[in-house]
PDB file of N, CA and C in Angstrom:
ATOM      1  N   MET A   1     -31.043  -5.612  -1.254  1.00  0.00           N
ATOM      2  CA  MET A   1     -30.006  -4.834  -0.595  1.00  0.00           C
ATOM      3  C   MET A   1     -30.655  -4.015   0.520  1.00  0.00           C
ATOM      4  N   ASN A   2     -29.966  -3.917   1.665  1.00  0.00           N
ATOM      5  CA  ASN A   2     -30.600  -3.200   2.764  1.00  0.00           C
ATOM      6  C   ASN A   2     -30.408  -1.682   2.633  1.00  0.00           C
ATOM      7  N   LYS A   3     -31.281  -0.944   3.304  1.00  0.00           N
ATOM      8  CA  LYS A   3     -31.266   0.510   3.196  1.00  0.00           C
ATOM      9  C   LYS A   3     -29.946   1.106   3.675  1.00  0.00           C
ATOM     10  N   TYR A   4     -29.339   0.507   4.709  1.00  0.00           N
ATOM     11  CA  TYR A   4     -28.092   1.051   5.219  1.00  0.00           C
ATOM     12  C   TYR A   4     -26.964   0.868   4.201  1.00  0.00           C
ATOM     13  N   LEU A   5     -26.971  -0.264   3.477  1.00  0.00           N
ATOM     14  CA  LEU A   5     -25.968  -0.475   2.437  1.00  0.00           C
ATOM     15  C   LEU A   5     -26.157   0.541   1.317  1.00  0.00           C
ATOM     16  N   ASP A   6     -27.399   0.817   0.947  1.00  0.00           N
ATOM     17  CA  ASP A   6     -27.665   1.859  -0.055  1.00  0.00           C
ATOM     18  C   ASP A   6     -27.112   3.202   0.408  1.00  0.00           C
ATOM     19  N   LYS A   7     -27.336   3.535   1.682  1.00  0.00           N
ATOM     20  CA  LYS A   7     -26.829   4.795   2.237  1.00  0.00           C
ATOM     21  C   LYS A   7     -25.304   4.829   2.194  1.00  0.00           C
ATOM     22  N   LEU A   8     -24.667   3.710   2.551  1.00  0.00           N
ATOM     23  CA  LEU A   8     -23.204   3.649   2.528  1.00  0.00           C
ATOM     24  C   LEU A   8     -22.656   3.824   1.115  1.00  0.00           C
ATOM     25  N   GLN A   9     -23.346   3.276   0.122  1.00  0.00           N
ATOM     26  CA  GLN A   9     -22.891   3.434  -1.263  1.00  0.00           C
ATOM     27  C   GLN A   9     -22.972   4.890  -1.700  1.00  0.00           C
ATOM     28  N   ARG A  10     -24.041   5.580  -1.314  1.00  0.00           N
ATOM     29  CA  ARG A  10     -24.149   7.015  -1.628  1.00  0.00           C
ATOM     30  C   ARG A  10     -23.054   7.790  -0.898  1.00  0.00           C
ATOM     31  N   GLN A  11     -22.814   7.438   0.354  1.00  0.00           N
ATOM     32  CA  GLN A  11     -21.771   8.076   1.163  1.00  0.00           C
ATOM     33  C   GLN A  11     -20.396   7.825   0.530  1.00  0.00           C
ATOM     34  N   ALA A  12     -20.162   6.608   0.053  1.00  0.00           N
ATOM     35  CA  ALA A  12     -18.875   6.250  -0.555  1.00  0.00           C
ATOM     36  C   ALA A  12     -18.596   7.095  -1.791  1.00  0.00           C
ATOM     37  N   ASN A  13     -19.628   7.448  -2.529  1.00  0.00           N
ATOM     38  CA  ASN A  13     -19.436   8.261  -3.727  1.00  0.00           C
ATOM     39  C   ASN A  13     -19.007   9.689  -3.413  1.00  0.00           C
ATOM     40  N   GLN A  14     -19.027  10.070  -2.147  1.00  0.00           N
ATOM     41  CA  GLN A  14     -18.528  11.375  -1.719  1.00  0.00           C
ATOM     42  C   GLN A  14     -17.067  11.300  -1.270  1.00  0.00           C
ATOM     43  N   ASP A  15     -16.576  10.075  -1.056  1.00  0.00           N
ATOM     44  CA  ASP A  15     -15.194   9.859  -0.629  1.00  0.00           C
ATOM     45  C   ASP A  15     -14.253  10.218  -1.779  1.00  0.00           C
ATOM     46  N   PRO A  16     -13.154  10.954  -1.514  1.00  0.00           N
ATOM     47  CA  PRO A  16     -12.264  11.371  -2.603  1.00  0.00           C
ATOM     48  C   PRO A  16     -11.673  10.208  -3.406  1.00  0.00           C
ATOM     49  N   PHE A  17     -11.519   9.043  -2.811  1.00  0.00           N
ATOM     50  CA  PHE A  17     -10.929   7.916  -3.528  1.00  0.00           C
ATOM     51  C   PHE A  17     -11.968   7.090  -4.281  1.00  0.00           C
ATOM     52  N   LEU A  18     -13.237   7.284  -4.002  1.00  0.00           N
ATOM     53  CA  LEU A  18     -14.286   6.492  -4.650  1.00  0.00           C
ATOM     54  C   LEU A  18     -15.311   7.345  -5.387  1.00  0.00           C
ATOM     55  N   GLN A  19     -15.110   8.637  -5.390  1.00  0.00           N
ATOM     56  CA  GLN A  19     -16.111   9.560  -5.919  1.00  0.00           C
ATOM     57  C   GLN A  19     -16.626   9.117  -7.285  1.00  0.00           C
ATOM     58  N   ASP A  20     -17.940   8.935  -7.345  1.00  0.00           N
ATOM     59  CA  ASP A  20     -18.653   8.538  -8.562  1.00  0.00           C
ATOM     60  C   ASP A  20     -18.186   7.199  -9.131  1.00  0.00           C
ATOM     61  N   PHE A  21     -17.516   6.383  -8.332  1.00  0.00           N
ATOM     62  CA  PHE A  21     -17.017   5.084  -8.767  1.00  0.00           C
ATOM     63  C   PHE A  21     -17.942   3.947  -8.355  1.00  0.00           C
ATOM     64  N   VAL A  22     -18.694   4.151  -7.298  1.00  0.00           N
ATOM     65  CA  VAL A  22     -19.517   3.081  -6.732  1.00  0.00           C
ATOM     66  C   VAL A  22     -20.871   3.057  -7.440  1.00  0.00           C
ATOM     67  N   LYS A  23     -21.030   2.073  -8.285  1.00  0.00           N
ATOM     68  CA  LYS A  23     -22.275   1.868  -9.032  1.00  0.00           C
ATOM     69  C   LYS A  23     -22.952   0.614  -8.483  1.00  0.00           C
ATOM     70  N   PRO A  24     -24.254   0.437  -8.729  1.00  0.00           N
ATOM     71  CA  PRO A  24     -24.905  -0.803  -8.292  1.00  0.00           C
ATOM     72  C   PRO A  24     -24.156  -2.020  -8.844  1.00  0.00           C
ATOM     73  N   ASN A  25     -23.965  -3.012  -8.003  1.00  0.00           N
ATOM     74  CA  ASN A  25     -23.197  -4.183  -8.408  1.00  0.00           C
ATOM     75  C   ASN A  25     -23.697  -5.394  -7.620  1.00  0.00           C
ATOM     76  N   PRO A  26     -24.112  -6.450  -8.327  1.00  0.00           N
ATOM     77  CA  PRO A  26     -24.613  -7.633  -7.619  1.00  0.00           C
ATOM     78  C   PRO A  26     -23.528  -8.374  -6.833  1.00  0.00           C
ATOM     79  N   ASP A  27     -22.263  -8.067  -7.100  1.00  0.00           N
ATOM     80  CA  ASP A  27     -21.164  -8.729  -6.403  1.00  0.00           C
ATOM     81  C   ASP A  27     -20.717  -7.977  -5.151  1.00  0.00           C
ATOM     82  N   ARG A  28     -21.461  -6.954  -4.760  1.00  0.00           N
ATOM     83  CA  ARG A  28     -21.122  -6.177  -3.574  1.00  0.00           C
ATOM     84  C   ARG A  28     -21.441  -6.995  -2.336  1.00  0.00           C
ATOM     85  N   VAL A  29     -20.483  -7.056  -1.422  1.00  0.00           N
ATOM     86  CA  VAL A  29     -20.635  -7.839  -0.195  1.00  0.00           C
ATOM     87  C   VAL A  29     -20.714  -6.882   0.995  1.00  0.00           C
ATOM     88  N   PRO A  30     -21.803  -6.940   1.764  1.00  0.00           N
ATOM     89  CA  PRO A  30     -21.868  -6.082   2.949  1.00  0.00           C
ATOM     90  C   PRO A  30     -20.889  -6.562   4.020  1.00  0.00           C
ATOM     91  N   ILE A  31     -20.322  -5.627   4.741  1.00  0.00           N
ATOM     92  CA  ILE A  31     -19.456  -5.940   5.879  1.00  0.00           C
ATOM     93  C   ILE A  31     -20.294  -5.736   7.133  1.00  0.00           C
ATOM     94  N   LEU A  32     -20.407  -6.810   7.892  1.00  0.00           N
ATOM     95  CA  LEU A  32     -21.203  -6.768   9.118  1.00  0.00           C
ATOM     96  C   LEU A  32     -20.299  -6.702  10.338  1.00  0.00           C
ATOM     97  N   HIS A  33     -20.707  -5.891  11.300  1.00  0.00           N
ATOM     98  CA  HIS A  33     -19.989  -5.793  12.573  1.00  0.00           C
ATOM     99  C   HIS A  33     -21.045  -5.707  13.662  1.00  0.00           C
ATOM    100  N   GLN A  34     -21.025  -6.678  14.550  1.00  0.00           N
ATOM    101  CA  GLN A  34     -22.007  -6.753  15.636  1.00  0.00           C
ATOM    102  C   GLN A  34     -23.435  -6.669  15.091  1.00  0.00           C
ATOM    103  N   GLY A  35     -23.682  -7.369  13.974  1.00  0.00           N
ATOM    104  CA  GLY A  35     -25.012  -7.459  13.388  1.00  0.00           C
ATOM    105  C   GLY A  35     -25.454  -6.268  12.563  1.00  0.00           C
ATOM    106  N   LYS A  36     -24.575  -5.291  12.387  1.00  0.00           N
ATOM    107  CA  LYS A  36     -24.942  -4.080  11.654  1.00  0.00           C
ATOM    108  C   LYS A  36     -24.079  -3.971  10.397  1.00  0.00           C
ATOM    109  N   THR A  37     -24.669  -3.545   9.285  1.00  0.00           N
ATOM    110  CA  THR A  37     -23.913  -3.299   8.060  1.00  0.00           C
ATOM    111  C   THR A  37     -23.112  -2.016   8.249  1.00  0.00           C
ATOM    112  N   VAL A  38     -21.781  -2.141   8.168  1.00  0.00           N
ATOM    113  CA  VAL A  38     -20.910  -0.983   8.411  1.00  0.00           C
ATOM    114  C   VAL A  38     -20.034  -0.655   7.207  1.00  0.00           C
ATOM    115  N   GLY A  39     -20.139  -1.434   6.151  1.00  0.00           N
ATOM    116  CA  GLY A  39     -19.333  -1.178   4.966  1.00  0.00           C
ATOM    117  C   GLY A  39     -19.613  -2.211   3.901  1.00  0.00           C
ATOM    118  N   PHE A  40     -18.760  -2.204   2.865  1.00  0.00           N
ATOM    119  CA  PHE A  40     -18.907  -3.160   1.784  1.00  0.00           C
ATOM    120  C   PHE A  40     -17.596  -3.296   1.024  1.00  0.00           C
ATOM    121  N   TYR A  41     -17.510  -4.366   0.263  1.00  0.00           N
ATOM    122  CA  TYR A  41     -16.459  -4.537  -0.733  1.00  0.00           C
ATOM    123  C   TYR A  41     -17.087  -5.265  -1.909  1.00  0.00           C
ATOM    124  N   THR A  42     -16.448  -5.177  -3.058  1.00  0.00           N
ATOM    125  CA  THR A  42     -16.971  -5.789  -4.262  1.00  0.00           C
ATOM    126  C   THR A  42     -16.008  -6.873  -4.714  1.00  0.00           C
ATOM    127  N   THR A  43     -16.527  -8.075  -4.887  1.00  0.00           N
ATOM    128  CA  THR A  43     -15.673  -9.186  -5.310  1.00  0.00           C
ATOM    129  C   THR A  43     -15.500  -9.156  -6.824  1.00  0.00           C
ATOM    130  N   ARG A  44     -14.300  -9.521  -7.236  1.00  0.00           N
ATOM    131  CA  ARG A  44     -13.977  -9.603  -8.664  1.00  0.00           C
ATOM    132  C   ARG A  44     -12.977 -10.721  -8.867  1.00  0.00           C
ATOM    133  N   LYS A  45     -12.918 -11.211 -10.077  1.00  0.00           N
ATOM    134  CA  LYS A  45     -11.914 -12.206 -10.438  1.00  0.00           C
ATOM    135  C   LYS A  45     -11.166 -11.657 -11.644  1.00  0.00           C
ATOM    136  N   ASP A  46      -9.852 -11.697 -11.603  1.00  0.00           N
ATOM    137  CA  ASP A  46      -9.005 -11.197 -12.681  1.00  0.00           C
ATOM    138  C   ASP A  46      -8.018 -12.304 -13.030  1.00  0.00           C
ATOM    139  N   ASN A  47      -8.371 -13.127 -13.997  1.00  0.00           N
ATOM    140  CA  ASN A  47      -7.598 -14.313 -14.359  1.00  0.00           C
ATOM    141  C   ASN A  47      -7.394 -15.187 -13.132  1.00  0.00           C
ATOM    142  N   LYS A  48      -6.159 -15.346 -12.691  1.00  0.00           N
ATOM    143  CA  LYS A  48      -5.870 -16.228 -11.559  1.00  0.00           C
ATOM    144  C   LYS A  48      -5.950 -15.512 -10.209  1.00  0.00           C
ATOM    145  N   TYR A  49      -6.303 -14.236 -10.216  1.00  0.00           N
ATOM    146  CA  TYR A  49      -6.317 -13.427  -8.993  1.00  0.00           C
ATOM    147  C   TYR A  49      -7.737 -13.081  -8.560  1.00  0.00           C
ATOM    148  N   LEU A  50      -7.934 -13.015  -7.245  1.00  0.00           N
ATOM    149  CA  LEU A  50      -9.143 -12.423  -6.684  1.00  0.00           C
ATOM    150  C   LEU A  50      -8.865 -10.943  -6.474  1.00  0.00           C
ATOM    151  N   ARG A  51      -9.897 -10.138  -6.621  1.00  0.00           N
ATOM    152  CA  ARG A  51      -9.781  -8.712  -6.338  1.00  0.00           C
ATOM    153  C   ARG A  51     -10.915  -8.318  -5.409  1.00  0.00           C
ATOM    154  N   ALA A  52     -10.728  -7.231  -4.712  1.00  0.00           N
ATOM    155  CA  ALA A  52     -11.765  -6.682  -3.840  1.00  0.00           C
ATOM    156  C   ALA A  52     -11.762  -5.172  -3.993  1.00  0.00           C
ATOM    157  N   GLY A  53     -12.710  -4.647  -4.678  1.00  0.00           N
ATOM    158  CA  GLY A  53     -12.784  -3.200  -4.853  1.00  0.00           C
ATOM    159  C   GLY A  53     -14.108  -2.875  -5.502  1.00  0.00           C
ATOM    160  N   ALA A  54     -14.751  -1.870  -5.220  1.00  0.00           N
ATOM    161  CA  ALA A  54     -14.448  -0.802  -4.296  1.00  0.00           C
ATOM    162  C   ALA A  54     -14.643  -1.266  -2.846  1.00  0.00           C
ATOM    163  N   LEU A  55     -13.850  -0.663  -1.966  1.00  0.00           N
ATOM    164  CA  LEU A  55     -13.930  -0.939  -0.533  1.00  0.00           C
ATOM    165  C   LEU A  55     -14.453   0.303   0.168  1.00  0.00           C
ATOM    166  N   TYR A  56     -15.309   0.111   1.150  1.00  0.00           N
ATOM    167  CA  TYR A  56     -15.764   1.259   1.920  1.00  0.00           C
ATOM    168  C   TYR A  56     -16.183   0.806   3.301  1.00  0.00           C
ATOM    169  N   LEU A  57     -15.793   1.597   4.293  1.00  0.00           N
ATOM    170  CA  LEU A  57     -16.175   1.340   5.681  1.00  0.00           C
ATOM    171  C   LEU A  57     -16.668   2.653   6.273  1.00  0.00           C
ATOM    172  N   ASP A  58     -17.810   2.612   6.915  1.00  0.00           N
ATOM    173  CA  ASP A  58     -18.364   3.791   7.571  1.00  0.00           C
ATOM    174  C   ASP A  58     -17.272   4.419   8.441  1.00  0.00           C
ATOM    175  N   PRO A  59     -17.036   5.720   8.318  1.00  0.00           N
ATOM    176  CA  PRO A  59     -15.969   6.363   9.100  1.00  0.00           C
ATOM    177  C   PRO A  59     -16.052   6.102  10.601  1.00  0.00           C
ATOM    178  N   ALA A  60     -17.244   5.881  11.128  1.00  0.00           N
ATOM    179  CA  ALA A  60     -17.399   5.622  12.568  1.00  0.00           C
ATOM    180  C   ALA A  60     -16.771   4.291  12.979  1.00  0.00           C
ATOM    181  N   TYR A  61     -16.484   3.413  12.013  1.00  0.00           N
ATOM    182  CA  TYR A  61     -15.951   2.086  12.323  1.00  0.00           C
ATOM    183  C   TYR A  61     -14.511   1.901  11.860  1.00  0.00           C
ATOM    184  N   ARG A  62     -13.910   2.935  11.327  1.00  0.00           N
ATOM    185  CA  ARG A  62     -12.532   2.829  10.854  1.00  0.00           C
ATOM    186  C   ARG A  62     -11.561   2.784  12.027  1.00  0.00           C
ATOM    187  N   GLY A  63     -10.389   2.199  11.785  1.00  0.00           N
ATOM    188  CA  GLY A  63      -9.354   2.133  12.807  1.00  0.00           C
ATOM    189  C   GLY A  63      -9.542   1.005  13.802  1.00  0.00           C
ATOM    190  N   GLN A  64     -10.494   0.115  13.560  1.00  0.00           N
ATOM    191  CA  GLN A  64     -10.768  -0.993  14.468  1.00  0.00           C
ATOM    192  C   GLN A  64     -10.299  -2.339  13.901  1.00  0.00           C
ATOM    193  N   GLY A  65      -9.707  -2.313  12.708  1.00  0.00           N
ATOM    194  CA  GLY A  65      -9.219  -3.546  12.100  1.00  0.00           C
ATOM    195  C   GLY A  65     -10.294  -4.373  11.407  1.00  0.00           C
ATOM    196  N   ILE A  66     -11.470  -3.800  11.219  1.00  0.00           N
ATOM    197  CA  ILE A  66     -12.583  -4.540  10.614  1.00  0.00           C
ATOM    198  C   ILE A  66     -12.283  -4.904   9.167  1.00  0.00           C
ATOM    199  N   MET A  67     -11.860  -3.926   8.373  1.00  0.00           N
ATOM    200  CA  MET A  67     -11.586  -4.185   6.961  1.00  0.00           C
ATOM    201  C   MET A  67     -10.442  -5.174   6.807  1.00  0.00           C
ATOM    202  N   LYS A  68      -9.417  -5.041   7.622  1.00  0.00           N
ATOM    203  CA  LYS A  68      -8.282  -5.971   7.549  1.00  0.00           C
ATOM    204  C   LYS A  68      -8.746  -7.401   7.845  1.00  0.00           C
ATOM    205  N   GLN A  69      -9.592  -7.560   8.833  1.00  0.00           N
ATOM    206  CA  GLN A  69     -10.110  -8.885   9.190  1.00  0.00           C
ATOM    207  C   GLN A  69     -10.944  -9.468   8.042  1.00  0.00           C
ATOM    208  N   VAL A  70     -11.810  -8.662   7.463  1.00  0.00           N
ATOM    209  CA  VAL A  70     -12.675  -9.118   6.368  1.00  0.00           C
ATOM    210  C   VAL A  70     -11.838  -9.522   5.163  1.00  0.00           C
ATOM    211  N   LEU A  71     -10.891  -8.663   4.759  1.00  0.00           N
ATOM    212  CA  LEU A  71     -10.086  -8.966   3.574  1.00  0.00           C
ATOM    213  C   LEU A  71      -9.103 -10.098   3.827  1.00  0.00           C
ATOM    214  N   SER A  72      -8.624 -10.218   5.041  1.00  0.00           N
ATOM    215  CA  SER A  72      -7.745 -11.328   5.387  1.00  0.00           C
ATOM    216  C   SER A  72      -8.475 -12.646   5.170  1.00  0.00           C
ATOM    217  N   SER A  73      -9.733 -12.709   5.566  1.00  0.00           N
ATOM    218  CA  SER A  73     -10.549 -13.904   5.350  1.00  0.00           C
ATOM    219  C   SER A  73     -10.784 -14.139   3.856  1.00  0.00           C
ATOM    220  N   TYR A  74     -11.116 -13.080   3.145  1.00  0.00           N
ATOM    221  CA  TYR A  74     -11.417 -13.181   1.713  1.00  0.00           C
ATOM    222  C   TYR A  74     -10.212 -13.714   0.925  1.00  0.00           C
ATOM    223  N   PHE A  75      -9.024 -13.232   1.250  1.00  0.00           N
ATOM    224  CA  PHE A  75      -7.831 -13.605   0.490  1.00  0.00           C
ATOM    225  C   PHE A  75      -7.057 -14.796   1.073  1.00  0.00           C
ATOM    226  N   THR A  76      -7.534 -15.409   2.147  1.00  0.00           N
ATOM    227  CA  THR A  76      -6.825 -16.535   2.751  1.00  0.00           C
ATOM    228  C   THR A  76      -6.541 -17.606   1.704  1.00  0.00           C
ATOM    229  N   ASP A  77      -5.259 -17.972   1.588  1.00  0.00           N
ATOM    230  CA  ASP A  77      -4.826 -19.036   0.673  1.00  0.00           C
ATOM    231  C   ASP A  77      -5.216 -18.789  -0.781  1.00  0.00           C
ATOM    232  N   LYS A  78      -5.405 -17.525  -1.165  1.00  0.00           N
ATOM    233  CA  LYS A  78      -5.752 -17.198  -2.546  1.00  0.00           C
ATOM    234  C   LYS A  78      -4.833 -16.102  -3.053  1.00  0.00           C
ATOM    235  N   LYS A  79      -4.589 -16.120  -4.346  1.00  0.00           N
ATOM    236  CA  LYS A  79      -3.828 -15.039  -4.966  1.00  0.00           C
ATOM    237  C   LYS A  79      -4.719 -13.815  -5.061  1.00  0.00           C
ATOM    238  N   GLY A  80      -4.135 -12.647  -4.779  1.00  0.00           N
ATOM    239  CA  GLY A  80      -4.912 -11.424  -4.810  1.00  0.00           C
ATOM    240  C   GLY A  80      -4.236 -10.343  -5.618  1.00  0.00           C
ATOM    241  N   LYS A  81      -5.050  -9.400  -6.081  1.00  0.00           N
ATOM    242  CA  LYS A  81      -4.552  -8.295  -6.890  1.00  0.00           C
ATOM    243  C   LYS A  81      -5.385  -7.061  -6.574  1.00  0.00           C
ATOM    244  N   ALA A  82      -4.734  -5.899  -6.475  1.00  0.00           N
ATOM    245  CA  ALA A  82      -5.446  -4.644  -6.200  1.00  0.00           C
ATOM    246  C   ALA A  82      -4.725  -3.495  -6.883  1.00  0.00           C
ATOM    247  N   TRP A  83      -5.482  -2.639  -7.565  1.00  0.00           N
ATOM    248  CA  TRP A  83      -4.919  -1.388  -8.082  1.00  0.00           C
ATOM    249  C   TRP A  83      -5.242  -0.328  -7.058  1.00  0.00           C
ATOM    250  N   ILE A  84      -4.198   0.373  -6.594  1.00  0.00           N
ATOM    251  CA  ILE A  84      -4.387   1.386  -5.557  1.00  0.00           C
ATOM    252  C   ILE A  84      -3.757   2.689  -6.021  1.00  0.00           C
ATOM    253  N   SER A  85      -4.527   3.756  -5.924  1.00  0.00           N
ATOM    254  CA  SER A  85      -4.027   5.091  -6.239  1.00  0.00           C
ATOM    255  C   SER A  85      -2.806   5.379  -5.375  1.00  0.00           C
ATOM    256  N   ASN A  86      -1.792   5.970  -5.966  1.00  0.00           N
ATOM    257  CA  ASN A  86      -0.550   6.230  -5.227  1.00  0.00           C
ATOM    258  C   ASN A  86      -0.731   7.171  -4.038  1.00  0.00           C
ATOM    259  N   ASN A  87      -1.794   7.957  -4.022  1.00  0.00           N
ATOM    260  CA  ASN A  87      -1.998   8.863  -2.879  1.00  0.00           C
ATOM    261  C   ASN A  87      -2.981   8.299  -1.852  1.00  0.00           C
ATOM    262  N   ASN A  88      -3.404   7.048  -2.027  1.00  0.00           N
ATOM    263  CA  ASN A  88      -4.322   6.418  -1.071  1.00  0.00           C
ATOM    264  C   ASN A  88      -3.500   5.607  -0.062  1.00  0.00           C
ATOM    265  N   THR A  89      -2.870   6.318   0.851  1.00  0.00           N
ATOM    266  CA  THR A  89      -1.938   5.689   1.795  1.00  0.00           C
ATOM    267  C   THR A  89      -2.618   4.680   2.724  1.00  0.00           C
ATOM    268  N   LYS A  90      -3.877   4.894   3.059  1.00  0.00           N
ATOM    269  CA  LYS A  90      -4.573   3.951   3.948  1.00  0.00           C
ATOM    270  C   LYS A  90      -4.774   2.601   3.264  1.00  0.00           C
ATOM    271  N   SER A  91      -5.162   2.608   1.996  1.00  0.00           N
ATOM    272  CA  SER A  91      -5.330   1.341   1.275  1.00  0.00           C
ATOM    273  C   SER A  91      -3.984   0.665   1.035  1.00  0.00           C
ATOM    274  N   ILE A  92      -2.962   1.451   0.753  1.00  0.00           N
ATOM    275  CA  ILE A  92      -1.618   0.880   0.575  1.00  0.00           C
ATOM    276  C   ILE A  92      -1.201   0.170   1.856  1.00  0.00           C
ATOM    277  N   SER A  93      -1.398   0.815   2.986  1.00  0.00           N
ATOM    278  CA  SER A  93      -1.053   0.220   4.275  1.00  0.00           C
ATOM    279  C   SER A  93      -1.881  -1.040   4.550  1.00  0.00           C
ATOM    280  N   LEU A  94      -3.175  -0.993   4.239  1.00  0.00           N
ATOM    281  CA  LEU A  94      -4.054  -2.138   4.444  1.00  0.00           C
ATOM    282  C   LEU A  94      -3.573  -3.340   3.625  1.00  0.00           C
ATOM    283  N   PHE A  95      -3.361  -3.129   2.342  1.00  0.00           N
ATOM    284  CA  PHE A  95      -2.997  -4.253   1.476  1.00  0.00           C
ATOM    285  C   PHE A  95      -1.577  -4.758   1.725  1.00  0.00           C
ATOM    286  N   THR A  96      -0.636  -3.876   2.000  1.00  0.00           N
ATOM    287  CA  THR A  96       0.715  -4.364   2.306  1.00  0.00           C
ATOM    288  C   THR A  96       0.702  -5.120   3.631  1.00  0.00           C
ATOM    289  N   GLY A  97      -0.160  -4.712   4.558  1.00  0.00           N
ATOM    290  CA  GLY A  97      -0.313  -5.434   5.816  1.00  0.00           C
ATOM    291  C   GLY A  97      -0.908  -6.818   5.633  1.00  0.00           C
ATOM    292  N   LEU A  98      -1.571  -7.032   4.500  1.00  0.00           N
ATOM    293  CA  LEU A  98      -2.137  -8.339   4.168  1.00  0.00           C
ATOM    294  C   LEU A  98      -1.175  -9.188   3.336  1.00  0.00           C
ATOM    295  N   GLY A  99       0.030  -8.648   3.100  1.00  0.00           N
ATOM    296  CA  GLY A  99       1.035  -9.401   2.356  1.00  0.00           C
ATOM    297  C   GLY A  99       1.120  -9.080   0.878  1.00  0.00           C
ATOM    298  N   PHE A 100       0.417  -8.063   0.421  1.00  0.00           N
ATOM    299  CA  PHE A 100       0.491  -7.653  -0.983  1.00  0.00           C
ATOM    300  C   PHE A 100       1.792  -6.890  -1.228  1.00  0.00           C
ATOM    301  N   LYS A 101       2.369  -7.088  -2.407  1.00  0.00           N
ATOM    302  CA  LYS A 101       3.623  -6.428  -2.792  1.00  0.00           C
ATOM    303  C   LYS A 101       3.360  -5.518  -3.989  1.00  0.00           C
ATOM    304  N   PRO A 102       4.001  -4.324  -4.006  1.00  0.00           N
ATOM    305  CA  PRO A 102       3.809  -3.423  -5.144  1.00  0.00           C
ATOM    306  C   PRO A 102       4.440  -3.998  -6.403  1.00  0.00           C
ATOM    307  N   GLY A 103       3.782  -3.721  -7.526  1.00  0.00           N
ATOM    308  CA  GLY A 103       4.282  -4.181  -8.818  1.00  0.00           C
ATOM    309  C   GLY A 103       4.277  -3.049  -9.816  1.00  0.00           C
ATOM    310  N   SER A 104       3.625  -3.271 -10.942  1.00  0.00           N
ATOM    311  CA  SER A 104       3.651  -2.295 -12.025  1.00  0.00           C
ATOM    312  C   SER A 104       2.782  -1.079 -11.714  1.00  0.00           C
ATOM    313  N   ILE A 105       3.199   0.032 -12.283  1.00  0.00           N
ATOM    314  CA  ILE A 105       2.486   1.299 -12.123  1.00  0.00           C
ATOM    315  C   ILE A 105       1.577   1.475 -13.341  1.00  0.00           C
ATOM    316  N   LYS A 106       0.387   1.966 -13.096  1.00  0.00           N
ATOM    317  CA  LYS A 106      -0.571   2.157 -14.171  1.00  0.00           C
ATOM    318  C   LYS A 106      -1.383   3.415 -13.887  1.00  0.00           C
ATOM    319  N   GLU A 107      -1.679   4.153 -14.933  1.00  0.00           N
ATOM    320  CA  GLU A 107      -2.527   5.322 -14.786  1.00  0.00           C
ATOM    321  C   GLU A 107      -3.955   4.945 -15.170  1.00  0.00           C
ATOM    322  N   VAL A 108      -4.907   5.277 -14.310  1.00  0.00           N
ATOM    323  CA  VAL A 108      -6.319   5.013 -14.562  1.00  0.00           C
ATOM    324  C   VAL A 108      -7.063   6.333 -14.444  1.00  0.00           C
ATOM    325  N   ASP A 109      -7.764   6.693 -15.504  1.00  0.00           N
ATOM    326  CA  ASP A 109      -8.522   7.955 -15.524  1.00  0.00           C
ATOM    327  C   ASP A 109      -7.660   9.136 -15.071  1.00  0.00           C
ATOM    328  N   GLY A 110      -6.420   9.174 -15.545  1.00  0.00           N
ATOM    329  CA  GLY A 110      -5.523  10.281 -15.241  1.00  0.00           C
ATOM    330  C   GLY A 110      -4.898  10.236 -13.865  1.00  0.00           C
ATOM    331  N   GLU A 111      -5.114   9.153 -13.125  1.00  0.00           N
ATOM    332  CA  GLU A 111      -4.565   9.033 -11.772  1.00  0.00           C
ATOM    333  C   GLU A 111      -3.536   7.909 -11.725  1.00  0.00           C
ATOM    334  N   ALA A 112      -2.355   8.231 -11.201  1.00  0.00           N
ATOM    335  CA  ALA A 112      -1.298   7.228 -11.103  1.00  0.00           C
ATOM    336  C   ALA A 112      -1.580   6.285  -9.942  1.00  0.00           C
ATOM    337  N   GLY A 113      -1.356   5.023 -10.194  1.00  0.00           N
ATOM    338  CA  GLY A 113      -1.545   4.016  -9.153  1.00  0.00           C
ATOM    339  C   GLY A 113      -0.627   2.854  -9.388  1.00  0.00           C
ATOM    340  N   THR A 114      -0.679   1.907  -8.485  1.00  0.00           N
ATOM    341  CA  THR A 114       0.202   0.738  -8.546  1.00  0.00           C
ATOM    342  C   THR A 114      -0.625  -0.515  -8.362  1.00  0.00           C
ATOM    343  N   TRP A 115      -0.267  -1.545  -9.122  1.00  0.00           N
ATOM    344  CA  TRP A 115      -0.862  -2.876  -8.918  1.00  0.00           C
ATOM    345  C   TRP A 115      -0.129  -3.534  -7.779  1.00  0.00           C
ATOM    346  N   TYR A 116      -0.859  -4.021  -6.814  1.00  0.00           N
ATOM    347  CA  TYR A 116      -0.310  -4.788  -5.695  1.00  0.00           C
ATOM    348  C   TYR A 116      -0.794  -6.227  -5.863  1.00  0.00           C
ATOM    349  N   THR A 117       0.091  -7.193  -5.628  1.00  0.00           N
ATOM    350  CA  THR A 117      -0.307  -8.593  -5.767  1.00  0.00           C
ATOM    351  C   THR A 117       0.137  -9.399  -4.543  1.00  0.00           C
ATOM    352  N   LYS A 118      -0.597 -10.465  -4.310  1.00  0.00           N
ATOM    353  CA  LYS A 118      -0.291 -11.430  -3.252  1.00  0.00           C
ATOM    354  C   LYS A 118      -0.308 -12.789  -3.923  1.00  0.00           C
ATOM    355  N   GLU A 119       0.824 -13.448  -3.901  1.00  0.00           N
ATOM    356  CA  GLU A 119       0.917 -14.754  -4.581  1.00  0.00           C
ATOM    357  C   GLU A 119       0.582 -15.903  -3.662  1.00  0.00           C
TER     358      GLU A 119
END
């Protein structure tokens, strides 16, 4: 793993939506932009669905459509599933923009969230 990805993981653990959630994971995929590691996502499989979480993008690169492009490629022609905290409006917007639809509500670690799926 490269040093910048390690730094991003430490930085992600300071984010209110990921705080203390990002642990070392061999399934973590670096997000590259113009040859530089600018973020990451973690691949998962949940029965017939692909998942991508935790997601993190260096704040300097947000708002450029990078994460949407990466996840659009990852979920192309595949069923997807994501649990998103109800107060994480940016992730809700990202996933609904990728065609995910809200489904069942679930509380995780005392936080209300919703399962979003893409069939």
